[in-house]
Structures are given as C-alpha cells and as structure tokens.
Amino acid sequence: MANAASMREEAETIAVKALGFVAADPELLPRFLAITGIEAHSIRQAAGEPGFLAGVLQFILA
C-alpha cells in the first residue's frame, strides 16, 4: 500500500499533467483563465500555491 507522501506526489503529477492539457487546448485555456481570474503569465507562480492544482482537477471534472 502506498504511503501518504507517494499518494500526494502521484496526485500532484496527475494535476500537473491536467494543467498541461488545459494549457495546450485553445478552447479550455481561455475558459480556465476566466473562471480562475488568473492571467496566463501567472500560471506558473499560481501552480505553487496551495489548492491550485486541486482547482485544476476540479475544473477538468466539471
């Protein structure tokens, strides 16, 4: 059974891949930016904030 640290790391990896998917999609990216209020040049910084990657996953699931 995986420990909490490895599960968190795996979840972060999935969320980063989801962010890459959103960023590469010309229809999803503007919607994501509008919903989150983040500017495109601020995504990298925002990705380090607590809860941002969870928000990316919520966006994908919505």
PDB file of N, CA and C in Angstrom:
ATOM      1  N   MET A   1       0.840  -1.180   0.000  1.00  0.00           N
ATOM      2  CA  MET A   1       0.000   0.000   0.000  1.00  0.00           C
ATOM      3  C   MET A   1       0.888   1.247   0.000  1.00  0.00           C
ATOM      4  N   ALA A   2       0.486   2.213  -0.789  1.00  0.00           N
ATOM      5  CA  ALA A   2       1.274   3.439  -0.920  1.00  0.00           C
ATOM      6  C   ALA A   2       1.133   4.298   0.328  1.00  0.00           C
ATOM      7  N   ASN A   3       2.213   4.979   0.677  1.00  0.00           N
ATOM      8  CA  ASN A   3       2.131   5.875   1.828  1.00  0.00           C
ATOM      9  C   ASN A   3       1.566   7.220   1.385  1.00  0.00           C
ATOM     10  N   ALA A   4       1.257   8.057   2.341  1.00  0.00           N
ATOM     11  CA  ALA A   4       0.608   9.343   2.060  1.00  0.00           C
ATOM     12  C   ALA A   4       1.473  10.234   1.181  1.00  0.00           C
ATOM     13  N   ALA A   5       2.769  10.226   1.400  1.00  0.00           N
ATOM     14  CA  ALA A   5       3.661  11.079   0.610  1.00  0.00           C
ATOM     15  C   ALA A   5       3.666  10.664  -0.856  1.00  0.00           C
ATOM     16  N   SER A   6       3.712   9.368  -1.117  1.00  0.00           N
ATOM     17  CA  SER A   6       3.726   8.924  -2.513  1.00  0.00           C
ATOM     18  C   SER A   6       2.371   9.146  -3.172  1.00  0.00           C
ATOM     19  N   MET A   7       1.300   9.027  -2.405  1.00  0.00           N
ATOM     20  CA  MET A   7      -0.032   9.299  -2.952  1.00  0.00           C
ATOM     21  C   MET A   7      -0.176  10.780  -3.298  1.00  0.00           C
ATOM     22  N   ARG A   8       0.347  11.641  -2.444  1.00  0.00           N
ATOM     23  CA  ARG A   8       0.295  13.080  -2.711  1.00  0.00           C
ATOM     24  C   ARG A   8       1.116  13.419  -3.954  1.00  0.00           C
ATOM     25  N   GLU A   9       2.294  12.824  -4.049  1.00  0.00           N
ATOM     26  CA  GLU A   9       3.155  13.068  -5.209  1.00  0.00           C
ATOM     27  C   GLU A   9       2.470  12.614  -6.498  1.00  0.00           C
ATOM     28  N   GLU A  10       1.820  11.473  -6.444  1.00  0.00           N
ATOM     29  CA  GLU A  10       1.104  10.973  -7.622  1.00  0.00           C
ATOM     30  C   GLU A  10      -0.056  11.899  -7.994  1.00  0.00           C
ATOM     31  N   ALA A  11      -0.780  12.387  -6.993  1.00  0.00           N
ATOM     32  CA  ALA A  11      -1.882  13.319  -7.244  1.00  0.00           C
ATOM     33  C   ALA A  11      -1.369  14.617  -7.855  1.00  0.00           C
ATOM     34  N   GLU A  12      -0.250  15.114  -7.367  1.00  0.00           N
ATOM     35  CA  GLU A  12       0.335  16.333  -7.925  1.00  0.00           C
ATOM     36  C   GLU A  12       0.775  16.115  -9.369  1.00  0.00           C
ATOM     37  N   THR A  13       1.335  14.955  -9.655  1.00  0.00           N
ATOM     38  CA  THR A  13       1.751  14.643 -11.021  1.00  0.00           C
ATOM     39  C   THR A  13       0.556  14.627 -11.961  1.00  0.00           C
ATOM     40  N   ILE A  14      -0.529  14.023 -11.527  1.00  0.00           N
ATOM     41  CA  ILE A  14      -1.749  13.989 -12.339  1.00  0.00           C
ATOM     42  C   ILE A  14      -2.267  15.401 -12.567  1.00  0.00           C
ATOM     43  N   ALA A  15      -2.267  16.214 -11.531  1.00  0.00           N
ATOM     44  CA  ALA A  15      -2.771  17.585 -11.647  1.00  0.00           C
ATOM     45  C   ALA A  15      -1.892  18.428 -12.567  1.00  0.00           C
ATOM     46  N   VAL A  16      -0.585  18.244 -12.506  1.00  0.00           N
ATOM     47  CA  VAL A  16       0.317  18.984 -13.394  1.00  0.00           C
ATOM     48  C   VAL A  16       0.071  18.573 -14.848  1.00  0.00           C
ATOM     49  N   LYS A  17      -0.147  17.291 -15.079  1.00  0.00           N
ATOM     50  CA  LYS A  17      -0.473  16.829 -16.431  1.00  0.00           C
ATOM     51  C   LYS A  17      -1.807  17.414 -16.885  1.00  0.00           C
ATOM     52  N   ALA A  18      -2.770  17.502 -15.978  1.00  0.00           N
ATOM     53  CA  ALA A  18      -4.066  18.104 -16.306  1.00  0.00           C
ATOM     54  C   ALA A  18      -3.898  19.576 -16.653  1.00  0.00           C
ATOM     55  N   LEU A  19      -3.046  20.271 -15.924  1.00  0.00           N
ATOM     56  CA  LEU A  19      -2.774  21.676 -16.218  1.00  0.00           C
ATOM     57  C   LEU A  19      -2.148  21.813 -17.603  1.00  0.00           C
ATOM     58  N   GLY A  20      -1.238  20.931 -17.946  1.00  0.00           N
ATOM     59  CA  GLY A  20      -0.646  20.937 -19.281  1.00  0.00           C
ATOM     60  C   GLY A  20      -1.681  20.704 -20.358  1.00  0.00           C
ATOM     61  N   PHE A  21      -2.619  19.819 -20.087  1.00  0.00           N
ATOM     62  CA  PHE A  21      -3.712  19.546 -21.025  1.00  0.00           C
ATOM     63  C   PHE A  21      -4.555  20.796 -21.242  1.00  0.00           C
ATOM     64  N   VAL A  22      -4.914  21.457 -20.150  1.00  0.00           N
ATOM     65  CA  VAL A  22      -5.717  22.681 -20.239  1.00  0.00           C
ATOM     66  C   VAL A  22      -4.942  23.760 -20.985  1.00  0.00           C
ATOM     67  N   ALA A  23      -3.679  23.930 -20.649  1.00  0.00           N
ATOM     68  CA  ALA A  23      -2.865  24.981 -21.261  1.00  0.00           C
ATOM     69  C   ALA A  23      -2.680  24.770 -22.759  1.00  0.00           C
ATOM     70  N   ALA A  24      -2.690  23.524 -23.204  1.00  0.00           N
ATOM     71  CA  ALA A  24      -2.481  23.221 -24.617  1.00  0.00           C
ATOM     72  C   ALA A  24      -3.762  23.307 -25.441  1.00  0.00           C
ATOM     73  N   ASP A  25      -4.893  23.421 -24.789  1.00  0.00           N
ATOM     74  CA  ASP A  25      -6.171  23.442 -25.504  1.00  0.00           C
ATOM     75  C   ASP A  25      -6.623  24.881 -25.734  1.00  0.00           C
ATOM     76  N   PRO A  26      -6.753  25.302 -26.995  1.00  0.00           N
ATOM     77  CA  PRO A  26      -7.111  26.697 -27.284  1.00  0.00           C
ATOM     78  C   PRO A  26      -8.525  27.089 -26.855  1.00  0.00           C
ATOM     79  N   GLU A  27      -9.370  26.117 -26.574  1.00  0.00           N
ATOM     80  CA  GLU A  27     -10.713  26.429 -26.080  1.00  0.00           C
ATOM     81  C   GLU A  27     -10.775  26.396 -24.556  1.00  0.00           C
ATOM     82  N   LEU A  28     -10.087  25.445 -23.957  1.00  0.00           N
ATOM     83  CA  LEU A  28     -10.137  25.307 -22.496  1.00  0.00           C
ATOM     84  C   LEU A  28      -9.347  26.382 -21.767  1.00  0.00           C
ATOM     85  N   LEU A  29      -8.188  26.749 -22.303  1.00  0.00           N
ATOM     86  CA  LEU A  29      -7.332  27.693 -21.585  1.00  0.00           C
ATOM     87  C   LEU A  29      -8.025  29.025 -21.310  1.00  0.00           C
ATOM     88  N   PRO A  30      -8.643  29.674 -22.309  1.00  0.00           N
ATOM     89  CA  PRO A  30      -9.310  30.948 -22.003  1.00  0.00           C
ATOM     90  C   PRO A  30     -10.438  30.791 -20.974  1.00  0.00           C
ATOM     91  N   ARG A  31     -11.135  29.671 -21.043  1.00  0.00           N
ATOM     92  CA  ARG A  31     -12.212  29.418 -20.069  1.00  0.00           C
ATOM     93  C   ARG A  31     -11.628  29.254 -18.669  1.00  0.00           C
ATOM     94  N   PHE A  32     -10.560  28.484 -18.566  1.00  0.00           N
ATOM     95  CA  PHE A  32      -9.898  28.277 -17.281  1.00  0.00           C
ATOM     96  C   PHE A  32      -9.419  29.599 -16.701  1.00  0.00           C
ATOM     97  N   LEU A  33      -8.787  30.416 -17.542  1.00  0.00           N
ATOM     98  CA  LEU A  33      -8.289  31.710 -17.082  1.00  0.00           C
ATOM     99  C   LEU A  33      -9.432  32.610 -16.627  1.00  0.00           C
ATOM    100  N   ALA A  34     -10.538  32.593 -17.359  1.00  0.00           N
ATOM    101  CA  ALA A  34     -11.689  33.428 -16.997  1.00  0.00           C
ATOM    102  C   ALA A  34     -12.308  32.979 -15.677  1.00  0.00           C
ATOM    103  N   ILE A  35     -12.430  31.684 -15.497  1.00  0.00           N
ATOM    104  CA  ILE A  35     -13.053  31.158 -14.274  1.00  0.00           C
ATOM    105  C   ILE A  35     -12.170  31.398 -13.055  1.00  0.00           C
ATOM    106  N   THR A  36     -10.875  31.204 -13.222  1.00  0.00           N
ATOM    107  CA  THR A  36      -9.965  31.344 -12.078  1.00  0.00           C
ATOM    108  C   THR A  36      -9.549  32.783 -11.820  1.00  0.00           C
ATOM    109  N   GLY A  37      -9.632  33.623 -12.852  1.00  0.00           N
ATOM    110  CA  GLY A  37      -9.187  35.004 -12.707  1.00  0.00           C
ATOM    111  C   GLY A  37      -7.678  35.156 -12.789  1.00  0.00           C
ATOM    112  N   ILE A  38      -7.002  34.098 -13.174  1.00  0.00           N
ATOM    113  CA  ILE A  38      -5.547  34.117 -13.291  1.00  0.00           C
ATOM    114  C   ILE A  38      -5.172  34.579 -14.698  1.00  0.00           C
ATOM    115  N   GLU A  39      -4.105  35.349 -14.799  1.00  0.00           N
ATOM    116  CA  GLU A  39      -3.591  35.737 -16.106  1.00  0.00           C
ATOM    117  C   GLU A  39      -2.608  34.668 -16.576  1.00  0.00           C
ATOM    118  N   ALA A  40      -2.524  34.495 -17.883  1.00  0.00           N
ATOM    119  CA  ALA A  40      -1.699  33.424 -18.448  1.00  0.00           C
ATOM    120  C   ALA A  40      -0.262  33.454 -17.929  1.00  0.00           C
ATOM    121  N   HIS A  41       0.310  34.636 -17.793  1.00  0.00           N
ATOM    122  CA  HIS A  41       1.707  34.718 -17.351  1.00  0.00           C
ATOM    123  C   HIS A  41       1.882  34.377 -15.866  1.00  0.00           C
ATOM    124  N   SER A  42       0.786  34.230 -15.142  1.00  0.00           N
ATOM    125  CA  SER A  42       0.852  33.945 -13.707  1.00  0.00           C
ATOM    126  C   SER A  42       0.612  32.479 -13.363  1.00  0.00           C
ATOM    127  N   ILE A  43       0.357  31.655 -14.358  1.00  0.00           N
ATOM    128  CA  ILE A  43       0.012  30.253 -14.087  1.00  0.00           C
ATOM    129  C   ILE A  43       1.134  29.528 -13.356  1.00  0.00           C
ATOM    130  N   ARG A  44       2.353  29.715 -13.800  1.00  0.00           N
ATOM    131  CA  ARG A  44       3.478  29.002 -13.176  1.00  0.00           C
ATOM    132  C   ARG A  44       3.585  29.342 -11.692  1.00  0.00           C
ATOM    133  N   GLN A  45       3.441  30.618 -11.365  1.00  0.00           N
ATOM    134  CA  GLN A  45       3.503  31.040  -9.966  1.00  0.00           C
ATOM    135  C   GLN A  45       2.308  30.486  -9.192  1.00  0.00           C
ATOM    136  N   ALA A  46       1.133  30.550  -9.791  1.00  0.00           N
ATOM    137  CA  ALA A  46      -0.077  30.067  -9.124  1.00  0.00           C
ATOM    138  C   ALA A  46      -0.007  28.571  -8.856  1.00  0.00           C
ATOM    139  N   ALA A  47       0.668  27.836  -9.727  1.00  0.00           N
ATOM    140  CA  ALA A  47       0.764  26.387  -9.561  1.00  0.00           C
ATOM    141  C   ALA A  47       1.454  26.003  -8.257  1.00  0.00           C
ATOM    142  N   GLY A  48       2.231  26.900  -7.697  1.00  0.00           N
ATOM    143  CA  GLY A  48       2.898  26.633  -6.430  1.00  0.00           C
ATOM    144  C   GLY A  48       2.059  26.965  -5.212  1.00  0.00           C
ATOM    145  N   GLU A  49       0.905  27.576  -5.438  1.00  0.00           N
ATOM    146  CA  GLU A  49       0.032  27.957  -4.326  1.00  0.00           C
ATOM    147  C   GLU A  49      -0.787  26.756  -3.852  1.00  0.00           C
ATOM    148  N   PRO A  50      -1.018  26.666  -2.541  1.00  0.00           N
ATOM    149  CA  PRO A  50      -1.831  25.572  -2.020  1.00  0.00           C
ATOM    150  C   PRO A  50      -3.233  25.602  -2.637  1.00  0.00           C
ATOM    151  N   GLY A  51      -3.683  24.472  -3.068  1.00  0.00           N
ATOM    152  CA  GLY A  51      -5.036  24.358  -3.594  1.00  0.00           C
ATOM    153  C   GLY A  51      -5.172  24.603  -5.084  1.00  0.00           C
ATOM    154  N   PHE A  52      -4.171  25.192  -5.722  1.00  0.00           N
ATOM    155  CA  PHE A  52      -4.300  25.499  -7.147  1.00  0.00           C
ATOM    156  C   PHE A  52      -4.445  24.232  -7.977  1.00  0.00           C
ATOM    157  N   LEU A  53      -3.591  23.250  -7.736  1.00  0.00           N
ATOM    158  CA  LEU A  53      -3.652  22.024  -8.524  1.00  0.00           C
ATOM    159  C   LEU A  53      -4.951  21.268  -8.282  1.00  0.00           C
ATOM    160  N   ALA A  54      -5.465  21.337  -7.069  1.00  0.00           N
ATOM    161  CA  ALA A  54      -6.776  20.734  -6.802  1.00  0.00           C
ATOM    162  C   ALA A  54      -7.845  21.446  -7.618  1.00  0.00           C
ATOM    163  N   GLY A  55      -7.710  22.757  -7.752  1.00  0.00           N
ATOM    164  CA  GLY A  55      -8.641  23.529  -8.565  1.00  0.00           C
ATOM    165  C   GLY A  55      -8.571  23.148 -10.032  1.00  0.00           C
ATOM    166  N   VAL A  56      -7.374  22.833 -10.507  1.00  0.00           N
ATOM    167  CA  VAL A  56      -7.218  22.380 -11.892  1.00  0.00           C
ATOM    168  C   VAL A  56      -7.997  21.082 -12.095  1.00  0.00           C
ATOM    169  N   LEU A  57      -7.860  20.164 -11.160  1.00  0.00           N
ATOM    170  CA  LEU A  57      -8.589  18.900 -11.269  1.00  0.00           C
ATOM    171  C   LEU A  57     -10.097  19.119 -11.200  1.00  0.00           C
ATOM    172  N   GLN A  58     -10.536  20.016 -10.348  1.00  0.00           N
ATOM    173  CA  GLN A  58     -11.967  20.327 -10.271  1.00  0.00           C
ATOM    174  C   GLN A  58     -12.458  20.908 -11.587  1.00  0.00           C
ATOM    175  N   PHE A  59     -11.664  21.753 -12.209  1.00  0.00           N
ATOM    176  CA  PHE A  59     -12.031  22.335 -13.497  1.00  0.00           C
ATOM    177  C   PHE A  59     -12.197  21.234 -14.545  1.00  0.00           C
ATOM    178  N   ILE A  60     -11.266  20.303 -14.592  1.00  0.00           N
ATOM    179  CA  ILE A  60     -11.327  19.201 -15.558  1.00  0.00           C
ATOM    180  C   ILE A  60     -12.574  18.349 -15.325  1.00  0.00           C
ATOM    181  N   LEU A  61     -12.899  18.122 -14.075  1.00  0.00           N
ATOM    182  CA  LEU A  61     -14.032  17.257 -13.746  1.00  0.00           C
ATOM    183  C   LEU A  61     -15.388  17.927 -13.931  1.00  0.00           C
ATOM    184  N   ALA A  62     -15.393  19.252 -13.992  1.00  0.00           N
ATOM    185  CA  ALA A  62     -16.672  19.978 -14.110  1.00  0.00           C
ATOM    186  C   ALA A  62     -17.251  19.882 -15.501  1.00  0.00           C
TER     187      ALA A  62
END
